[in-house]
Amino acid sequence: MMNLKLLLFANLREKFGFSQKDIHLPEVIDSPESFLFLMARESGGDWKELLKDQSLYRVAINQNLSSWTDALENGDELAIFPPITGG
């Protein structure tokens, strides 16, 4: 079993209907990408779409910018958000 604190920002927050959620997973996962694979397999729908479009989004683990393949551990905070643009 694995527990994560999931944070969603911008259009993801609107799409999934929450900005913060404690996630309890039935199995241990090792990266944000494997989290997406599991959620797409278990829940489908918007999770499958996010998996397909993951290159359009950034992730942070414990408030540090990360890649989709970086290590994820039990109790971590995982944030998913669109790229930050400035101007």
PDB file of N, CA and C in Angstrom:
ATOM      1  N   MET A   1       0.842  -1.175   0.000  1.00  0.00           N
ATOM      2  CA  MET A   1       0.000   0.000   0.000  1.00  0.00           C
ATOM      3  C   MET A   1       0.887   1.239   0.000  1.00  0.00           C
ATOM      4  N   MET A   2       0.400   2.303  -0.651  1.00  0.00           N
ATOM      5  CA  MET A   2       1.169   3.533  -0.752  1.00  0.00           C
ATOM      6  C   MET A   2       0.238   4.726  -0.618  1.00  0.00           C
ATOM      7  N   ASN A   3       0.699   5.757   0.068  1.00  0.00           N
ATOM      8  CA  ASN A   3      -0.086   6.969   0.265  1.00  0.00           C
ATOM      9  C   ASN A   3       0.645   8.154  -0.341  1.00  0.00           C
ATOM     10  N   LEU A   4      -0.095   8.991  -1.054  1.00  0.00           N
ATOM     11  CA  LEU A   4       0.437  10.204  -1.657  1.00  0.00           C
ATOM     12  C   LEU A   4      -0.501  11.362  -1.381  1.00  0.00           C
ATOM     13  N   LYS A   5       0.059  12.557  -1.346  1.00  0.00           N
ATOM     14  CA  LYS A   5      -0.757  13.766  -1.337  1.00  0.00           C
ATOM     15  C   LYS A   5      -0.676  14.320  -2.755  1.00  0.00           C
ATOM     16  N   LEU A   6      -1.784  14.343  -3.456  1.00  0.00           N
ATOM     17  CA  LEU A   6      -1.827  14.763  -4.852  1.00  0.00           C
ATOM     18  C   LEU A   6      -2.370  16.180  -4.943  1.00  0.00           C
ATOM     19  N   LEU A   7      -1.645  17.037  -5.657  1.00  0.00           N
ATOM     20  CA  LEU A   7      -2.069  18.409  -5.908  1.00  0.00           C
ATOM     21  C   LEU A   7      -2.233  18.596  -7.412  1.00  0.00           C
ATOM     22  N   LEU A   8      -3.360  19.153  -7.826  1.00  0.00           N
ATOM     23  CA  LEU A   8      -3.614  19.446  -9.234  1.00  0.00           C
ATOM     24  C   LEU A   8      -3.823  20.945  -9.395  1.00  0.00           C
ATOM     25  N   PHE A   9      -3.326  21.494 -10.496  1.00  0.00           N
ATOM     26  CA  PHE A   9      -3.408  22.923 -10.726  1.00  0.00           C
ATOM     27  C   PHE A   9      -4.056  23.234 -12.074  1.00  0.00           C
ATOM     28  N   ALA A  10      -4.535  24.475 -12.183  1.00  0.00           N
ATOM     29  CA  ALA A  10      -5.084  25.045 -13.418  1.00  0.00           C
ATOM     30  C   ALA A  10      -6.188  24.154 -13.991  1.00  0.00           C
ATOM     31  N   ASN A  11      -6.095  23.829 -15.279  1.00  0.00           N
ATOM     32  CA  ASN A  11      -7.169  23.077 -15.940  1.00  0.00           C
ATOM     33  C   ASN A  11      -7.348  21.665 -15.377  1.00  0.00           C
ATOM     34  N   LEU A  12      -6.323  21.100 -14.781  1.00  0.00           N
ATOM     35  CA  LEU A  12      -6.466  19.766 -14.174  1.00  0.00           C
ATOM     36  C   LEU A  12      -7.375  19.816 -12.959  1.00  0.00           C
ATOM     37  N   ARG A  13      -7.248  20.874 -12.192  1.00  0.00           N
ATOM     38  CA  ARG A  13      -8.116  21.052 -11.024  1.00  0.00           C
ATOM     39  C   ARG A  13      -9.580  21.099 -11.456  1.00  0.00           C
ATOM     40  N   GLU A  14      -9.842  21.803 -12.545  1.00  0.00           N
ATOM     41  CA  GLU A  14     -11.216  21.899 -13.072  1.00  0.00           C
ATOM     42  C   GLU A  14     -11.684  20.542 -13.610  1.00  0.00           C
ATOM     43  N   LYS A  15     -10.825  19.877 -14.331  1.00  0.00           N
ATOM     44  CA  LYS A  15     -11.183  18.599 -14.962  1.00  0.00           C
ATOM     45  C   LYS A  15     -11.484  17.510 -13.939  1.00  0.00           C
ATOM     46  N   PHE A  16     -10.645  17.401 -12.899  1.00  0.00           N
ATOM     47  CA  PHE A  16     -10.803  16.324 -11.918  1.00  0.00           C
ATOM     48  C   PHE A  16     -11.692  16.707 -10.738  1.00  0.00           C
ATOM     49  N   GLY A  17     -11.960  18.015 -10.581  1.00  0.00           N
ATOM     50  CA  GLY A  17     -12.873  18.460  -9.539  1.00  0.00           C
ATOM     51  C   GLY A  17     -12.272  18.574  -8.146  1.00  0.00           C
ATOM     52  N   PHE A  18     -10.952  18.615  -8.051  1.00  0.00           N
ATOM     53  CA  PHE A  18     -10.296  18.829  -6.763  1.00  0.00           C
ATOM     54  C   PHE A  18      -8.924  19.448  -6.994  1.00  0.00           C
ATOM     55  N   SER A  19      -8.414  20.104  -5.977  1.00  0.00           N
ATOM     56  CA  SER A  19      -7.074  20.671  -6.079  1.00  0.00           C
ATOM     57  C   SER A  19      -6.079  19.901  -5.210  1.00  0.00           C
ATOM     58  N   GLN A  20      -6.594  19.238  -4.181  1.00  0.00           N
ATOM     59  CA  GLN A  20      -5.736  18.485  -3.271  1.00  0.00           C
ATOM     60  C   GLN A  20      -6.485  17.261  -2.784  1.00  0.00           C
ATOM     61  N   LYS A  21      -5.793  16.128  -2.765  1.00  0.00           N
ATOM     62  CA  LYS A  21      -6.446  14.893  -2.333  1.00  0.00           C
ATOM     63  C   LYS A  21      -5.403  13.926  -1.799  1.00  0.00           C
ATOM     64  N   ASP A  22      -5.742  13.260  -0.707  1.00  0.00           N
ATOM     65  CA  ASP A  22      -4.903  12.166  -0.221  1.00  0.00           C
ATOM     66  C   ASP A  22      -5.281  10.918  -1.003  1.00  0.00           C
ATOM     67  N   ILE A  23      -4.291  10.308  -1.617  1.00  0.00           N
ATOM     68  CA  ILE A  23      -4.504   9.134  -2.462  1.00  0.00           C
ATOM     69  C   ILE A  23      -3.936   7.911  -1.756  1.00  0.00           C
ATOM     70  N   HIS A  24      -4.735   6.879  -1.649  1.00  0.00           N
ATOM     71  CA  HIS A  24      -4.305   5.612  -1.047  1.00  0.00           C
ATOM     72  C   HIS A  24      -4.281   4.567  -2.157  1.00  0.00           C
ATOM     73  N   LEU A  25      -3.087   4.132  -2.505  1.00  0.00           N
ATOM     74  CA  LEU A  25      -2.908   3.198  -3.615  1.00  0.00           C
ATOM     75  C   LEU A  25      -2.772   1.771  -3.101  1.00  0.00           C
ATOM     76  N   PRO A  26      -3.326   0.804  -3.848  1.00  0.00           N
ATOM     77  CA  PRO A  26      -3.254  -0.591  -3.410  1.00  0.00           C
ATOM     78  C   PRO A  26      -1.877  -1.212  -3.616  1.00  0.00           C
ATOM     79  N   GLU A  27      -1.023  -0.541  -4.380  1.00  0.00           N
ATOM     80  CA  GLU A  27       0.305  -1.088  -4.643  1.00  0.00           C
ATOM     81  C   GLU A  27       1.337   0.031  -4.609  1.00  0.00           C
ATOM     82  N   VAL A  28       2.588  -0.343  -4.420  1.00  0.00           N
ATOM     83  CA  VAL A  28       3.671   0.620  -4.399  1.00  0.00           C
ATOM     84  C   VAL A  28       4.024   0.993  -5.832  1.00  0.00           C
ATOM     85  N   ILE A  29       4.187   2.287  -6.068  1.00  0.00           N
ATOM     86  CA  ILE A  29       4.621   2.769  -7.381  1.00  0.00           C
ATOM     87  C   ILE A  29       5.950   3.488  -7.199  1.00  0.00           C
ATOM     88  N   ASP A  30       6.709   3.646  -8.279  1.00  0.00           N
ATOM     89  CA  ASP A  30       8.050   4.207  -8.124  1.00  0.00           C
ATOM     90  C   ASP A  30       8.274   5.546  -8.801  1.00  0.00           C
ATOM     91  N   SER A  31       7.276   6.079  -9.526  1.00  0.00           N
ATOM     92  CA  SER A  31       7.466   7.345 -10.226  1.00  0.00           C
ATOM     93  C   SER A  31       6.110   7.988 -10.526  1.00  0.00           C
ATOM     94  N   PRO A  32       6.109   9.283 -10.829  1.00  0.00           N
ATOM     95  CA  PRO A  32       4.857   9.914 -11.248  1.00  0.00           C
ATOM     96  C   PRO A  32       4.254   9.236 -12.481  1.00  0.00           C
ATOM     97  N   GLU A  33       5.110   8.794 -13.397  1.00  0.00           N
ATOM     98  CA  GLU A  33       4.614   8.119 -14.591  1.00  0.00           C
ATOM     99  C   GLU A  33       3.907   6.809 -14.235  1.00  0.00           C
ATOM    100  N   SER A  34       4.468   6.044 -13.313  1.00  0.00           N
ATOM    101  CA  SER A  34       3.806   4.795 -12.922  1.00  0.00           C
ATOM    102  C   SER A  34       2.513   5.085 -12.159  1.00  0.00           C
ATOM    103  N   PHE A  35       2.456   6.231 -11.447  1.00  0.00           N
ATOM    104  CA  PHE A  35       1.206   6.655 -10.815  1.00  0.00           C
ATOM    105  C   PHE A  35       0.144   6.876 -11.893  1.00  0.00           C
ATOM    106  N   LEU A  36       0.502   7.580 -12.967  1.00  0.00           N
ATOM    107  CA  LEU A  36      -0.461   7.817 -14.051  1.00  0.00           C
ATOM    108  C   LEU A  36      -0.915   6.512 -14.697  1.00  0.00           C
ATOM    109  N   PHE A  37       0.020   5.596 -14.949  1.00  0.00           N
ATOM    110  CA  PHE A  37      -0.349   4.292 -15.523  1.00  0.00           C
ATOM    111  C   PHE A  37      -1.361   3.578 -14.633  1.00  0.00           C
ATOM    112  N   LEU A  38      -1.103   3.566 -13.328  1.00  0.00           N
ATOM    113  CA  LEU A  38      -2.008   2.898 -12.395  1.00  0.00           C
ATOM    114  C   LEU A  38      -3.380   3.561 -12.393  1.00  0.00           C
ATOM    115  N   MET A  39      -3.421   4.889 -12.309  1.00  0.00           N
ATOM    116  CA  MET A  39      -4.700   5.592 -12.267  1.00  0.00           C
ATOM    117  C   MET A  39      -5.470   5.419 -13.581  1.00  0.00           C
ATOM    118  N   ALA A  40      -4.766   5.425 -14.706  1.00  0.00           N
ATOM    119  CA  ALA A  40      -5.426   5.222 -15.998  1.00  0.00           C
ATOM    120  C   ALA A  40      -6.009   3.815 -16.081  1.00  0.00           C
ATOM    121  N   ARG A  41      -5.271   2.837 -15.562  1.00  0.00           N
ATOM    122  CA  ARG A  41      -5.737   1.448 -15.579  1.00  0.00           C
ATOM    123  C   ARG A  41      -6.920   1.252 -14.634  1.00  0.00           C
ATOM    124  N   GLU A  42      -6.833   1.824 -13.442  1.00  0.00           N
ATOM    125  CA  GLU A  42      -7.857   1.605 -12.427  1.00  0.00           C
ATOM    126  C   GLU A  42      -9.109   2.466 -12.627  1.00  0.00           C
ATOM    127  N   SER A  43      -8.929   3.717 -13.057  1.00  0.00           N
ATOM    128  CA  SER A  43     -10.054   4.655 -13.116  1.00  0.00           C
ATOM    129  C   SER A  43     -10.430   5.081 -14.533  1.00  0.00           C
ATOM    130  N   GLY A  44      -9.504   4.968 -15.479  1.00  0.00           N
ATOM    131  CA  GLY A  44      -9.794   5.336 -16.861  1.00  0.00           C
ATOM    132  C   GLY A  44     -10.123   6.810 -17.026  1.00  0.00           C
ATOM    133  N   GLY A  45     -10.998   7.117 -17.975  1.00  0.00           N
ATOM    134  CA  GLY A  45     -11.510   8.466 -18.195  1.00  0.00           C
ATOM    135  C   GLY A  45     -10.443   9.537 -18.301  1.00  0.00           C
ATOM    136  N   ASP A  46     -10.568  10.552 -17.453  1.00  0.00           N
ATOM    137  CA  ASP A  46      -9.645  11.684 -17.481  1.00  0.00           C
ATOM    138  C   ASP A  46      -8.209  11.271 -17.186  1.00  0.00           C
ATOM    139  N   TRP A  47      -8.015  10.209 -16.406  1.00  0.00           N
ATOM    140  CA  TRP A  47      -6.658   9.737 -16.121  1.00  0.00           C
ATOM    141  C   TRP A  47      -5.998   9.199 -17.383  1.00  0.00           C
ATOM    142  N   LYS A  48      -6.764   8.501 -18.233  1.00  0.00           N
ATOM    143  CA  LYS A  48      -6.206   8.022 -19.507  1.00  0.00           C
ATOM    144  C   LYS A  48      -5.806   9.195 -20.388  1.00  0.00           C
ATOM    145  N   GLU A  49      -6.639  10.224 -20.390  1.00  0.00           N
ATOM    146  CA  GLU A  49      -6.341  11.408 -21.190  1.00  0.00           C
ATOM    147  C   GLU A  49      -5.086  12.106 -20.675  1.00  0.00           C
ATOM    148  N   LEU A  50      -4.947  12.212 -19.355  1.00  0.00           N
ATOM    149  CA  LEU A  50      -3.757  12.831 -18.783  1.00  0.00           C
ATOM    150  C   LEU A  50      -2.512  12.011 -19.106  1.00  0.00           C
ATOM    151  N   LEU A  51      -2.611  10.699 -19.051  1.00  0.00           N
ATOM    152  CA  LEU A  51      -1.492   9.832 -19.402  1.00  0.00           C
ATOM    153  C   LEU A  51      -1.069  10.084 -20.846  1.00  0.00           C
ATOM    154  N   LYS A  52      -2.034  10.171 -21.727  1.00  0.00           N
ATOM    155  CA  LYS A  52      -1.754  10.412 -23.145  1.00  0.00           C
ATOM    156  C   LYS A  52      -1.087  11.770 -23.350  1.00  0.00           C
ATOM    157  N   ASP A  53      -1.485  12.768 -22.554  1.00  0.00           N
ATOM    158  CA  ASP A  53      -0.993  14.137 -22.710  1.00  0.00           C
ATOM    159  C   ASP A  53       0.073  14.522 -21.687  1.00  0.00           C
ATOM    160  N   GLN A  54       0.684  13.563 -21.016  1.00  0.00           N
ATOM    161  CA  GLN A  54       1.594  13.880 -19.922  1.00  0.00           C
ATOM    162  C   GLN A  54       2.747  14.782 -20.340  1.00  0.00           C
ATOM    163  N   SER A  55       3.150  14.744 -21.597  1.00  0.00           N
ATOM    164  CA  SER A  55       4.257  15.608 -22.031  1.00  0.00           C
ATOM    165  C   SER A  55       3.878  17.090 -21.986  1.00  0.00           C
ATOM    166  N   LEU A  56       2.582  17.385 -21.873  1.00  0.00           N
ATOM    167  CA  LEU A  56       2.120  18.771 -21.809  1.00  0.00           C
ATOM    168  C   LEU A  56       2.155  19.315 -20.381  1.00  0.00           C
ATOM    169  N   TYR A  57       2.468  18.476 -19.409  1.00  0.00           N
ATOM    170  CA  TYR A  57       2.409  18.864 -18.000  1.00  0.00           C
ATOM    171  C   TYR A  57       3.749  18.654 -17.311  1.00  0.00           C
ATOM    172  N   ARG A  58       3.937  19.371 -16.209  1.00  0.00           N
ATOM    173  CA  ARG A  58       5.124  19.242 -15.376  1.00  0.00           C
ATOM    174  C   ARG A  58       4.720  18.612 -14.052  1.00  0.00           C
ATOM    175  N   VAL A  59       5.690  18.074 -13.350  1.00  0.00           N
ATOM    176  CA  VAL A  59       5.437  17.499 -12.029  1.00  0.00           C
ATOM    177  C   VAL A  59       6.455  18.031 -11.026  1.00  0.00           C
ATOM    178  N   ALA A  60       6.031  18.035  -9.783  1.00  0.00           N
ATOM    179  CA  ALA A  60       6.927  18.357  -8.669  1.00  0.00           C
ATOM    180  C   ALA A  60       6.702  17.308  -7.597  1.00  0.00           C
ATOM    181  N   ILE A  61       7.795  16.874  -7.007  1.00  0.00           N
ATOM    182  CA  ILE A  61       7.731  15.933  -5.886  1.00  0.00           C
ATOM    183  C   ILE A  61       8.252  16.681  -4.667  1.00  0.00           C
ATOM    184  N   ASN A  62       7.408  16.775  -3.653  1.00  0.00           N
ATOM    185  CA  ASN A  62       7.762  17.495  -2.427  1.00  0.00           C
ATOM    186  C   ASN A  62       8.256  18.917  -2.738  1.00  0.00           C
ATOM    187  N   GLN A  63       7.543  19.574  -3.639  1.00  0.00           N
ATOM    188  CA  GLN A  63       7.774  20.965  -4.032  1.00  0.00           C
ATOM    189  C   GLN A  63       9.081  21.194  -4.780  1.00  0.00           C
ATOM    190  N   ASN A  64       9.650  20.125  -5.369  1.00  0.00           N
ATOM    191  CA  ASN A  64      10.835  20.236  -6.211  1.00  0.00           C
ATOM    192  C   ASN A  64      10.472  19.804  -7.619  1.00  0.00           C
ATOM    193  N   LEU A  65      10.754  20.673  -8.609  1.00  0.00           N
ATOM    194  CA  LEU A  65      10.478  20.285  -9.989  1.00  0.00           C
ATOM    195  C   LEU A  65      11.148  18.952 -10.280  1.00  0.00           C
ATOM    196  N   SER A  66      10.417  18.065 -10.916  1.00  0.00           N
ATOM    197  CA  SER A  66      10.888  16.702 -11.145  1.00  0.00           C
ATOM    198  C   SER A  66      10.517  16.267 -12.556  1.00  0.00           C
ATOM    199  N   SER A  67      10.983  15.098 -12.921  1.00  0.00           N
ATOM    200  CA  SER A  67      10.573  14.512 -14.196  1.00  0.00           C
ATOM    201  C   SER A  67       9.555  13.412 -13.911  1.00  0.00           C
ATOM    202  N   TRP A  68       8.887  12.959 -14.948  1.00  0.00           N
ATOM    203  CA  TRP A  68       7.874  11.913 -14.801  1.00  0.00           C
ATOM    204  C   TRP A  68       8.484  10.586 -14.345  1.00  0.00           C
ATOM    205  N   THR A  69       9.798  10.439 -14.481  1.00  0.00           N
ATOM    206  CA  THR A  69      10.434   9.166 -14.122  1.00  0.00           C
ATOM    207  C   THR A  69      11.234   9.244 -12.812  1.00  0.00           C
ATOM    208  N   ASP A  70      11.209  10.393 -12.133  1.00  0.00           N
ATOM    209  CA  ASP A  70      11.924  10.517 -10.860  1.00  0.00           C
ATOM    210  C   ASP A  70      11.287   9.624  -9.795  1.00  0.00           C
ATOM    211  N   ALA A  71      12.062   9.307  -8.791  1.00  0.00           N
ATOM    212  CA  ALA A  71      11.604   8.417  -7.720  1.00  0.00           C
ATOM    213  C   ALA A  71      10.491   9.050  -6.893  1.00  0.00           C
ATOM    214  N   LEU A  72       9.505   8.249  -6.584  1.00  0.00           N
ATOM    215  CA  LEU A  72       8.367   8.643  -5.764  1.00  0.00           C
ATOM    216  C   LEU A  72       8.278   7.651  -4.615  1.00  0.00           C
ATOM    217  N   GLU A  73       8.120   8.171  -3.393  1.00  0.00           N
ATOM    218  CA  GLU A  73       8.094   7.307  -2.220  1.00  0.00           C
ATOM    219  C   GLU A  73       6.816   7.507  -1.415  1.00  0.00           C
ATOM    220  N   ASN A  74       6.521   6.543  -0.584  1.00  0.00           N
ATOM    221  CA  ASN A  74       5.347   6.603   0.277  1.00  0.00           C
ATOM    222  C   ASN A  74       5.349   7.905   1.080  1.00  0.00           C
ATOM    223  N   GLY A  75       4.214   8.599   1.092  1.00  0.00           N
ATOM    224  CA  GLY A  75       4.071   9.834   1.845  1.00  0.00           C
ATOM    225  C   GLY A  75       4.463  11.091   1.099  1.00  0.00           C
ATOM    226  N   ASP A  76       4.972  10.953  -0.125  1.00  0.00           N
ATOM    227  CA  ASP A  76       5.382  12.119  -0.901  1.00  0.00           C
ATOM    228  C   ASP A  76       4.185  12.960  -1.333  1.00  0.00           C
ATOM    229  N   GLU A  77       4.486  14.224  -1.621  1.00  0.00           N
ATOM    230  CA  GLU A  77       3.514  15.129  -2.223  1.00  0.00           C
ATOM    231  C   GLU A  77       3.831  15.187  -3.713  1.00  0.00           C
ATOM    232  N   LEU A  78       2.834  14.903  -4.551  1.00  0.00           N
ATOM    233  CA  LEU A  78       2.987  14.932  -5.998  1.00  0.00           C
ATOM    234  C   LEU A  78       2.090  16.020  -6.557  1.00  0.00           C
ATOM    235  N   ALA A  79       2.690  16.985  -7.248  1.00  0.00           N
ATOM    236  CA  ALA A  79       1.930  18.067  -7.873  1.00  0.00           C
ATOM    237  C   ALA A  79       2.037  17.923  -9.384  1.00  0.00           C
ATOM    238  N   ILE A  80       0.908  18.123 -10.064  1.00  0.00           N
ATOM    239  CA  ILE A  80       0.876  18.069 -11.532  1.00  0.00           C
ATOM    240  C   ILE A  80       0.280  19.390 -12.003  1.00  0.00           C
ATOM    241  N   PHE A  81       0.969  20.041 -12.955  1.00  0.00           N
ATOM    242  CA  PHE A  81       0.538  21.351 -13.405  1.00  0.00           C
ATOM    243  C   PHE A  81       1.005  21.621 -14.827  1.00  0.00           C
ATOM    244  N   PRO A  82       0.324  22.555 -15.515  1.00  0.00           N
ATOM    245  CA  PRO A  82       0.770  22.905 -16.868  1.00  0.00           C
ATOM    246  C   PRO A  82       2.075  23.684 -16.806  1.00  0.00           C
ATOM    247  N   PRO A  83       2.804  23.758 -17.908  1.00  0.00           N
ATOM    248  CA  PRO A  83       4.050  24.546 -17.914  1.00  0.00           C
ATOM    249  C   PRO A  83       3.771  25.994 -17.508  1.00  0.00           C
ATOM    250  N   ILE A  84       4.707  26.562 -16.802  1.00  0.00           N
ATOM    251  CA  ILE A  84       4.574  27.945 -16.366  1.00  0.00           C
ATOM    252  C   ILE A  84       5.112  28.843 -17.476  1.00  0.00           C
ATOM    253  N   THR A  85       4.303  29.803 -17.871  1.00  0.00           N
ATOM    254  CA  THR A  85       4.748  30.743 -18.895  1.00  0.00           C
ATOM    255  C   THR A  85       4.783  32.135 -18.308  1.00  0.00           C
ATOM    256  N   GLY A  86       5.605  32.936 -18.859  1.00  0.00           N
ATOM    257  CA  GLY A  86       5.703  34.311 -18.392  1.00  0.00           C
ATOM    258  C   GLY A  86       5.645  35.258 -19.571  1.00  0.00           C
ATOM    259  N   GLY A  87       5.634  36.515 -19.270  1.00  0.00           N
ATOM    260  CA  GLY A  87       5.586  37.448 -20.384  1.00  0.00           C
ATOM    261  C   GLY A  87       5.680  38.859 -19.968  1.00  0.00           C
TER     262      GLY A  87
END
